[in-house]
Amino acid sequence: VLLNVAALLLAAMLVNNLILRRGYPLAIRPGKSNLHATRDASPSARLDIDHEDLASAVKTLDTFVDVQEEELVQLYRLAVEHAFDRHIGLTCGDIMSRDVVSVLFGTELEEAWTLLRAHKIKALPVVDNFGRLIGILTAADFLRQLDDTTAAGLAVRLQGLLRRTPGPNSEKAEVVGQIMTENVTSARLNTPISELVSQLSDRSMHHVPVLDDTGHVLGMVTQSDLIAALYRRISLSVV
């Protein structure tokens, strides 16, 4: 019997390592780290299943499961997302803000900053002359242009950044297109809101533009939109 067990174990190791190209015995990979460089797990992982949960489930089944732990976790997450979409049934088009304040590549920095403050928003989609998304502008984009880290120094530097340089030449950024973030995560009208949860939590994103198939901006989903929609739907379900 011992020889048979050893032979089966050796066969499993050969199949997994040489044919399937995956380690065996199966290693436990660490969870996603958060973006804030702290020891906390990412927001979505704090209530996730862990090694003990999986080990307990396998023990209860009293069977051998030839699947990597990370694959089981992924399967669980996909099942949860599917169930969430089935019960909640909300898409980005249902919860997005539609009256979106946007700017152009050539919008001056002072005008863009004024829009952010006047509308009490934290991001502005940057569009071309046809309304297609080419970037996004946030307060962080302004701060990246400032060198001084003291509060007083930041205020002075910000005023200097926003002030238009007279004449044709300038040694600093003058328009939105020079400081905007070009790599923008976006969604579609029919994107389930479950797909935004990890983006708006684990990736520290606060805004996701909603586009049509040609890249035109149709709306914006924020963390506030997501929280309000979930609260409203859940509160209605328990009434």
C-alpha atoms as a PDB file:
ATOM      1  CA  VAL A   1       0.000   0.000   0.000  1.00  0.00           C
ATOM      2  CA  LEU A   2       2.791   2.395   0.926  1.00  0.00           C
ATOM      3  CA  LEU A   3       4.451   1.784  -2.438  1.00  0.00           C
ATOM      4  CA  ASN A   4       1.180   2.480  -4.236  1.00  0.00           C
ATOM      5  CA  VAL A   5       0.709   5.765  -2.356  1.00  0.00           C
ATOM      6  CA  ALA A   6       4.284   6.792  -3.145  1.00  0.00           C
ATOM      7  CA  ALA A   7       3.771   5.936  -6.805  1.00  0.00           C
ATOM      8  CA  LEU A   8       0.563   7.988  -6.956  1.00  0.00           C
ATOM      9  CA  LEU A   9       2.252  10.944  -5.257  1.00  0.00           C
ATOM     10  CA  LEU A  10       5.176  10.774  -7.684  1.00  0.00           C
ATOM     11  CA  ALA A  11       2.776  10.606 -10.628  1.00  0.00           C
ATOM     12  CA  ALA A  12       0.878  13.639  -9.347  1.00  0.00           C
ATOM     13  CA  MET A  13       4.111  15.597  -8.973  1.00  0.00           C
ATOM     14  CA  LEU A  14       5.229  14.676 -12.504  1.00  0.00           C
ATOM     15  CA  VAL A  15       1.882  15.567 -14.067  1.00  0.00           C
ATOM     16  CA  ASN A  16       1.607  18.903 -12.270  1.00  0.00           C
ATOM     17  CA  ASN A  17       5.219  20.016 -12.618  1.00  0.00           C
ATOM     18  CA  LEU A  18       6.158  18.684 -16.067  1.00  0.00           C
ATOM     19  CA  ILE A  19       2.897  18.568 -17.998  1.00  0.00           C
ATOM     20  CA  LEU A  20       0.584  21.124 -16.382  1.00  0.00           C
ATOM     21  CA  ARG A  21       3.520  23.391 -15.481  1.00  0.00           C
ATOM     22  CA  ARG A  22       2.264  24.126 -11.992  1.00  0.00           C
ATOM     23  CA  GLY A  23       3.891  23.451  -8.658  1.00  0.00           C
ATOM     24  CA  TYR A  24       2.981  20.427  -6.580  1.00  0.00           C
ATOM     25  CA  PRO A  25       2.319  20.241  -3.701  1.00  0.00           C
ATOM     26  CA  LEU A  26       0.238  23.344  -4.322  1.00  0.00           C
ATOM     27  CA  ALA A  27       1.715  26.477  -2.819  1.00  0.00           C
ATOM     28  CA  ILE A  28      -0.343  29.111  -1.054  1.00  0.00           C
ATOM     29  CA  ARG A  29       0.182  32.494  -2.643  1.00  0.00           C
ATOM     30  CA  PRO A  30      -0.095  35.648  -0.564  1.00  0.00           C
ATOM     31  CA  GLY A  31      -3.159  37.809  -1.044  1.00  0.00           C
ATOM     32  CA  LYS A  32      -3.093  41.094  -2.868  1.00  0.00           C
ATOM     33  CA  SER A  33      -1.291  43.847  -0.990  1.00  0.00           C
ATOM     34  CA  ASN A  34      -2.998  47.203  -0.783  1.00  0.00           C
ATOM     35  CA  LEU A  35      -1.729  50.319  -2.510  1.00  0.00           C
ATOM     36  CA  HIS A  36      -1.074  52.203   0.726  1.00  0.00           C
ATOM     37  CA  ALA A  37       2.037  50.212   1.722  1.00  0.00           C
ATOM     38  CA  THR A  38       0.483  48.986   4.980  1.00  0.00           C
ATOM     39  CA  ARG A  39       0.041  45.474   6.360  1.00  0.00           C
ATOM     40  CA  ASP A  40      -3.736  45.496   5.884  1.00  0.00           C
ATOM     41  CA  ALA A  41      -5.174  43.284   3.193  1.00  0.00           C
ATOM     42  CA  SER A  42      -6.875  45.028   0.298  1.00  0.00           C
ATOM     43  CA  PRO A  43     -10.500  46.013   1.043  1.00  0.00           C
ATOM     44  CA  SER A  44     -12.051  43.229  -1.028  1.00  0.00           C
ATOM     45  CA  ALA A  45      -9.726  40.616   0.485  1.00  0.00           C
ATOM     46  CA  ARG A  46     -10.546  41.363   4.120  1.00  0.00           C
ATOM     47  CA  LEU A  47     -13.781  39.380   3.955  1.00  0.00           C
ATOM     48  CA  ASP A  48     -12.488  36.870   1.410  1.00  0.00           C
ATOM     49  CA  ILE A  49     -12.066  33.154   2.037  1.00  0.00           C
ATOM     50  CA  ASP A  50      -8.660  32.056   3.294  1.00  0.00           C
ATOM     51  CA  HIS A  51      -6.601  28.873   3.575  1.00  0.00           C
ATOM     52  CA  GLU A  52      -8.458  27.639   6.664  1.00  0.00           C
ATOM     53  CA  ASP A  53     -11.812  28.071   4.925  1.00  0.00           C
ATOM     54  CA  LEU A  54     -10.677  26.009   1.960  1.00  0.00           C
ATOM     55  CA  ALA A  55      -9.013  23.352   4.099  1.00  0.00           C
ATOM     56  CA  SER A  56     -12.168  23.018   6.199  1.00  0.00           C
ATOM     57  CA  ALA A  57     -14.365  22.680   3.113  1.00  0.00           C
ATOM     58  CA  VAL A  58     -12.144  20.016   1.556  1.00  0.00           C
ATOM     59  CA  LYS A  59     -12.015  18.141   4.862  1.00  0.00           C
ATOM     60  CA  THR A  60     -15.803  18.250   5.113  1.00  0.00           C
ATOM     61  CA  LEU A  61     -16.166  16.863   1.598  1.00  0.00           C
ATOM     62  CA  ASP A  62     -13.699  14.120   2.487  1.00  0.00           C
ATOM     63  CA  THR A  63     -12.382  14.004  -1.059  1.00  0.00           C
ATOM     64  CA  PHE A  64      -9.291  14.893  -3.066  1.00  0.00           C
ATOM     65  CA  VAL A  65      -9.506  18.159  -5.031  1.00  0.00           C
ATOM     66  CA  ASP A  66      -6.792  18.474  -7.667  1.00  0.00           C
ATOM     67  CA  VAL A  67      -7.139  22.238  -8.051  1.00  0.00           C
ATOM     68  CA  GLN A  68      -4.758  24.981  -7.011  1.00  0.00           C
ATOM     69  CA  GLU A  69      -5.862  27.042  -4.046  1.00  0.00           C
ATOM     70  CA  GLU A  70      -5.762  30.252  -6.056  1.00  0.00           C
ATOM     71  CA  GLU A  71      -8.039  28.611  -8.640  1.00  0.00           C
ATOM     72  CA  LEU A  72     -10.546  27.714  -5.934  1.00  0.00           C
ATOM     73  CA  VAL A  73     -10.473  31.292  -4.639  1.00  0.00           C
ATOM     74  CA  GLN A  74     -10.960  32.634  -8.161  1.00  0.00           C
ATOM     75  CA  LEU A  75     -13.856  30.233  -8.726  1.00  0.00           C
ATOM     76  CA  TYR A  76     -15.431  31.396  -5.479  1.00  0.00           C
ATOM     77  CA  ARG A  77     -15.040  35.068  -6.413  1.00  0.00           C
ATOM     78  CA  LEU A  78     -16.564  34.542  -9.856  1.00  0.00           C
ATOM     79  CA  ALA A  79     -19.503  32.686  -8.335  1.00  0.00           C
ATOM     80  CA  VAL A  80     -20.052  35.489  -5.823  1.00  0.00           C
ATOM     81  CA  GLU A  81     -19.913  38.118  -8.579  1.00  0.00           C
ATOM     82  CA  HIS A  82     -22.397  36.143 -10.665  1.00  0.00           C
ATOM     83  CA  ALA A  83     -24.782  35.815  -7.729  1.00  0.00           C
ATOM     84  CA  PHE A  84     -24.333  39.503  -6.917  1.00  0.00           C
ATOM     85  CA  ASP A  85     -25.183  40.527 -10.488  1.00  0.00           C
ATOM     86  CA  ARG A  86     -28.183  38.201 -10.503  1.00  0.00           C
ATOM     87  CA  HIS A  87     -29.615  39.598  -7.261  1.00  0.00           C
ATOM     88  CA  ILE A  88     -28.594  43.253  -7.525  1.00  0.00           C
ATOM     89  CA  GLY A  89     -29.019  43.562 -11.290  1.00  0.00           C
ATOM     90  CA  LEU A  90     -27.514  47.044 -11.619  1.00  0.00           C
ATOM     91  CA  THR A  91     -25.238  48.311 -14.379  1.00  0.00           C
ATOM     92  CA  CYS A  92     -23.095  51.407 -14.742  1.00  0.00           C
ATOM     93  CA  GLY A  93     -25.803  52.958 -16.893  1.00  0.00           C
ATOM     94  CA  ASP A  94     -28.245  52.658 -13.998  1.00  0.00           C
ATOM     95  CA  ILE A  95     -26.166  54.494 -11.407  1.00  0.00           C
ATOM     96  CA  MET A  96     -23.871  56.863 -13.324  1.00  0.00           C
ATOM     97  CA  SER A  97     -23.999  60.653 -13.306  1.00  0.00           C
ATOM     98  CA  ARG A  98     -25.000  61.834 -16.785  1.00  0.00           C
ATOM     99  CA  ASP A  99     -24.406  65.592 -16.607  1.00  0.00           C
ATOM    100  CA  VAL A 100     -20.625  65.265 -16.729  1.00  0.00           C
ATOM    101  CA  VAL A 101     -18.379  68.308 -16.502  1.00  0.00           C
ATOM    102  CA  SER A 102     -15.437  67.819 -18.859  1.00  0.00           C
ATOM    103  CA  VAL A 103     -12.482  69.759 -20.231  1.00  0.00           C
ATOM    104  CA  LEU A 104     -10.423  69.796 -23.412  1.00  0.00           C
ATOM    105  CA  PHE A 105      -6.721  69.120 -23.921  1.00  0.00           C
ATOM    106  CA  GLY A 106      -6.125  72.860 -24.311  1.00  0.00           C
ATOM    107  CA  THR A 107      -8.174  74.016 -21.309  1.00  0.00           C
ATOM    108  CA  GLU A 108      -6.010  76.244 -19.125  1.00  0.00           C
ATOM    109  CA  LEU A 109      -5.078  74.871 -15.709  1.00  0.00           C
ATOM    110  CA  GLU A 110      -6.695  77.702 -13.770  1.00  0.00           C
ATOM    111  CA  GLU A 111     -10.025  77.113 -15.524  1.00  0.00           C
ATOM    112  CA  ALA A 112      -9.879  73.371 -14.832  1.00  0.00           C
ATOM    113  CA  TRP A 113      -9.028  73.940 -11.164  1.00  0.00           C
ATOM    114  CA  THR A 114     -11.920  76.398 -10.864  1.00  0.00           C
ATOM    115  CA  LEU A 115     -14.301  73.791 -12.314  1.00  0.00           C
ATOM    116  CA  LEU A 116     -13.156  71.186  -9.795  1.00  0.00           C
ATOM    117  CA  ARG A 117     -13.812  73.555  -6.904  1.00  0.00           C
ATOM    118  CA  ALA A 118     -17.043  75.066  -8.244  1.00  0.00           C
ATOM    119  CA  HIS A 119     -18.692  71.686  -8.820  1.00  0.00           C
ATOM    120  CA  LYS A 120     -17.115  70.080  -5.724  1.00  0.00           C
ATOM    121  CA  ILE A 121     -15.826  67.164  -7.787  1.00  0.00           C
ATOM    122  CA  LYS A 122     -12.479  65.378  -7.797  1.00  0.00           C
ATOM    123  CA  ALA A 123     -12.043  64.467 -11.447  1.00  0.00           C
ATOM    124  CA  LEU A 124     -12.683  65.873 -14.903  1.00  0.00           C
ATOM    125  CA  PRO A 125     -12.780  63.725 -18.034  1.00  0.00           C
ATOM    126  CA  VAL A 126     -10.568  65.174 -20.750  1.00  0.00           C
ATOM    127  CA  VAL A 127     -12.165  64.890 -24.187  1.00  0.00           C
ATOM    128  CA  ASP A 128     -11.273  65.794 -27.751  1.00  0.00           C
ATOM    129  CA  ASN A 129     -13.362  68.131 -29.905  1.00  0.00           C
ATOM    130  CA  PHE A 130     -15.767  65.264 -30.640  1.00  0.00           C
ATOM    131  CA  GLY A 131     -16.366  64.360 -26.991  1.00  0.00           C
ATOM    132  CA  ARG A 132     -14.198  61.240 -27.009  1.00  0.00           C
ATOM    133  CA  LEU A 133     -12.204  60.443 -23.881  1.00  0.00           C
ATOM    134  CA  ILE A 134      -8.454  61.078 -24.086  1.00  0.00           C
ATOM    135  CA  GLY A 135      -7.576  61.333 -20.391  1.00  0.00           C
ATOM    136  CA  ILE A 136      -8.704  62.288 -16.915  1.00  0.00           C
ATOM    137  CA  LEU A 137      -7.667  65.162 -14.664  1.00  0.00           C
ATOM    138  CA  THR A 138      -7.671  64.945 -10.865  1.00  0.00           C
ATOM    139  CA  ALA A 139      -6.270  66.985  -7.995  1.00  0.00           C
ATOM    140  CA  ALA A 140      -3.432  64.465  -7.809  1.00  0.00           C
ATOM    141  CA  ASP A 141      -2.338  65.485 -11.307  1.00  0.00           C
ATOM    142  CA  PHE A 142      -1.941  69.064 -10.094  1.00  0.00           C
ATOM    143  CA  LEU A 143      -0.042  68.010  -6.972  1.00  0.00           C
ATOM    144  CA  ARG A 144       2.412  65.968  -9.031  1.00  0.00           C
ATOM    145  CA  GLN A 145       3.559  69.202 -10.629  1.00  0.00           C
ATOM    146  CA  LEU A 146       4.529  70.696  -7.259  1.00  0.00           C
ATOM    147  CA  ASP A 147       7.898  70.092  -5.643  1.00  0.00           C
ATOM    148  CA  ASP A 148       7.427  71.641  -2.203  1.00  0.00           C
ATOM    149  CA  THR A 149       5.875  69.310   0.372  1.00  0.00           C
ATOM    150  CA  THR A 150       5.073  71.883   3.081  1.00  0.00           C
ATOM    151  CA  ALA A 151       1.524  73.206   3.331  1.00  0.00           C
ATOM    152  CA  ALA A 152       2.566  76.831   2.873  1.00  0.00           C
ATOM    153  CA  GLY A 153       4.898  75.914   0.044  1.00  0.00           C
ATOM    154  CA  LEU A 154       2.206  73.930  -1.740  1.00  0.00           C
ATOM    155  CA  ALA A 155      -0.170  76.882  -1.740  1.00  0.00           C
ATOM    156  CA  VAL A 156       2.446  79.169  -3.267  1.00  0.00           C
ATOM    157  CA  ARG A 157       3.519  76.579  -5.824  1.00  0.00           C
ATOM    158  CA  LEU A 158      -0.087  75.861  -6.781  1.00  0.00           C
ATOM    159  CA  GLN A 159      -0.785  79.533  -7.367  1.00  0.00           C
ATOM    160  CA  GLY A 160       2.277  79.698  -9.569  1.00  0.00           C
ATOM    161  CA  LEU A 161       1.200  76.610 -11.510  1.00  0.00           C
ATOM    162  CA  LEU A 162      -2.299  77.961 -12.105  1.00  0.00           C
ATOM    163  CA  ARG A 163      -1.108  81.414 -13.118  1.00  0.00           C
ATOM    164  CA  ARG A 164      -0.870  81.757 -16.892  1.00  0.00           C
ATOM    165  CA  THR A 165       2.603  82.532 -18.202  1.00  0.00           C
ATOM    166  CA  PRO A 166       2.580  85.596 -20.466  1.00  0.00           C
ATOM    167  CA  GLY A 167       4.214  85.250 -23.861  1.00  0.00           C
ATOM    168  CA  PRO A 168       4.693  82.286 -26.206  1.00  0.00           C
ATOM    169  CA  ASN A 169       7.244  80.367 -24.093  1.00  0.00           C
ATOM    170  CA  SER A 170       6.789  78.699 -20.721  1.00  0.00           C
ATOM    171  CA  GLU A 171       8.882  76.477 -18.461  1.00  0.00           C
ATOM    172  CA  LYS A 172       5.844  74.947 -16.742  1.00  0.00           C
ATOM    173  CA  ALA A 173       2.663  73.166 -17.742  1.00  0.00           C
ATOM    174  CA  GLU A 174      -0.025  75.542 -18.978  1.00  0.00           C
ATOM    175  CA  VAL A 175      -2.912  73.373 -20.173  1.00  0.00           C
ATOM    176  CA  VAL A 176      -4.754  70.254 -19.028  1.00  0.00           C
ATOM    177  CA  GLY A 177      -3.236  67.993 -21.663  1.00  0.00           C
ATOM    178  CA  GLN A 178       0.229  68.524 -20.194  1.00  0.00           C
ATOM    179  CA  ILE A 179      -0.613  67.119 -16.758  1.00  0.00           C
ATOM    180  CA  MET A 180      -3.609  64.782 -17.286  1.00  0.00           C
ATOM    181  CA  THR A 181      -3.506  61.012 -16.779  1.00  0.00           C
ATOM    182  CA  GLU A 182      -3.807  59.304 -20.158  1.00  0.00           C
ATOM    183  CA  ASN A 183      -4.228  55.674 -19.114  1.00  0.00           C
ATOM    184  CA  VAL A 184      -7.858  55.681 -17.974  1.00  0.00           C
ATOM    185  CA  THR A 185      -9.930  52.721 -16.816  1.00  0.00           C
ATOM    186  CA  SER A 186     -13.429  53.026 -18.266  1.00  0.00           C
ATOM    187  CA  ALA A 187     -16.704  51.099 -18.385  1.00  0.00           C
ATOM    188  CA  ARG A 188     -19.717  50.676 -20.668  1.00  0.00           C
ATOM    189  CA  LEU A 189     -23.403  51.278 -20.018  1.00  0.00           C
ATOM    190  CA  ASN A 190     -24.059  47.564 -19.555  1.00  0.00           C
ATOM    191  CA  THR A 191     -21.019  46.887 -17.359  1.00  0.00           C
ATOM    192  CA  PRO A 192     -22.245  45.221 -14.129  1.00  0.00           C
ATOM    193  CA  ILE A 193     -21.379  47.293 -11.091  1.00  0.00           C
ATOM    194  CA  SER A 194     -19.680  44.247  -9.566  1.00  0.00           C
ATOM    195  CA  GLU A 195     -16.837  44.818 -12.028  1.00  0.00           C
ATOM    196  CA  LEU A 196     -16.227  48.258 -10.512  1.00  0.00           C
ATOM    197  CA  VAL A 197     -15.995  47.149  -6.893  1.00  0.00           C
ATOM    198  CA  SER A 198     -12.341  46.081  -7.017  1.00  0.00           C
ATOM    199  CA  GLN A 199     -11.386  49.112  -9.117  1.00  0.00           C
ATOM    200  CA  LEU A 200     -13.010  51.558  -6.723  1.00  0.00           C
ATOM    201  CA  SER A 201     -11.675  49.836  -3.608  1.00  0.00           C
ATOM    202  CA  ASP A 202      -8.487  47.831  -4.091  1.00  0.00           C
ATOM    203  CA  ARG A 203      -7.012  50.079  -6.798  1.00  0.00           C
ATOM    204  CA  SER A 204      -7.823  53.318  -4.970  1.00  0.00           C
ATOM    205  CA  MET A 205      -9.745  54.678  -7.935  1.00  0.00           C
ATOM    206  CA  HIS A 206     -12.484  57.201  -7.255  1.00  0.00           C
ATOM    207  CA  HIS A 207     -14.013  57.741 -10.696  1.00  0.00           C
ATOM    208  CA  VAL A 208     -14.720  55.548 -13.721  1.00  0.00           C
ATOM    209  CA  PRO A 209     -15.881  57.216 -16.958  1.00  0.00           C
ATOM    210  CA  VAL A 210     -18.654  55.399 -18.823  1.00  0.00           C
ATOM    211  CA  LEU A 211     -18.185  55.358 -22.599  1.00  0.00           C
ATOM    212  CA  ASP A 212     -20.086  54.245 -25.668  1.00  0.00           C
ATOM    213  CA  ASP A 213     -18.555  51.975 -28.292  1.00  0.00           C
ATOM    214  CA  THR A 214     -16.849  54.918 -30.020  1.00  0.00           C
ATOM    215  CA  GLY A 215     -15.234  56.309 -26.871  1.00  0.00           C
ATOM    216  CA  HIS A 216     -17.640  59.178 -26.234  1.00  0.00           C
ATOM    217  CA  VAL A 217     -18.225  60.018 -22.581  1.00  0.00           C
ATOM    218  CA  LEU A 218     -21.767  59.177 -21.498  1.00  0.00           C
ATOM    219  CA  GLY A 219     -21.388  59.453 -17.752  1.00  0.00           C
ATOM    220  CA  MET A 220     -19.253  58.935 -14.666  1.00  0.00           C
ATOM    221  CA  VAL A 221     -19.474  56.446 -11.808  1.00  0.00           C
ATOM    222  CA  THR A 222     -17.930  57.436  -8.479  1.00  0.00           C
ATOM    223  CA  GLN A 223     -17.487  55.667  -5.164  1.00  0.00           C
ATOM    224  CA  SER A 224     -20.444  57.682  -3.851  1.00  0.00           C
ATOM    225  CA  ASP A 225     -22.649  56.485  -6.725  1.00  0.00           C
ATOM    226  CA  LEU A 226     -21.713  52.871  -6.028  1.00  0.00           C
ATOM    227  CA  ILE A 227     -22.303  53.082  -2.266  1.00  0.00           C
ATOM    228  CA  ALA A 228     -25.630  54.891  -2.689  1.00  0.00           C
ATOM    229  CA  ALA A 229     -26.860  52.371  -5.271  1.00  0.00           C
ATOM    230  CA  LEU A 230     -25.916  49.368  -3.154  1.00  0.00           C
ATOM    231  CA  TYR A 231     -27.485  50.851  -0.032  1.00  0.00           C
ATOM    232  CA  ARG A 232     -30.690  51.692  -1.892  1.00  0.00           C
ATOM    233  CA  ARG A 233     -31.021  48.259  -3.487  1.00  0.00           C
ATOM    234  CA  ILE A 234     -30.215  46.375  -0.280  1.00  0.00           C
ATOM    235  CA  SER A 235     -32.552  48.524   1.830  1.00  0.00           C
ATOM    236  CA  LEU A 236     -35.401  47.887  -0.614  1.00  0.00           C
ATOM    237  CA  SER A 237     -34.766  44.149  -0.534  1.00  0.00           C
ATOM    238  CA  VAL A 238     -35.225  43.955   3.241  1.00  0.00           C
ATOM    239  CA  VAL A 239     -38.358  46.096   3.458  1.00  0.00           C
END
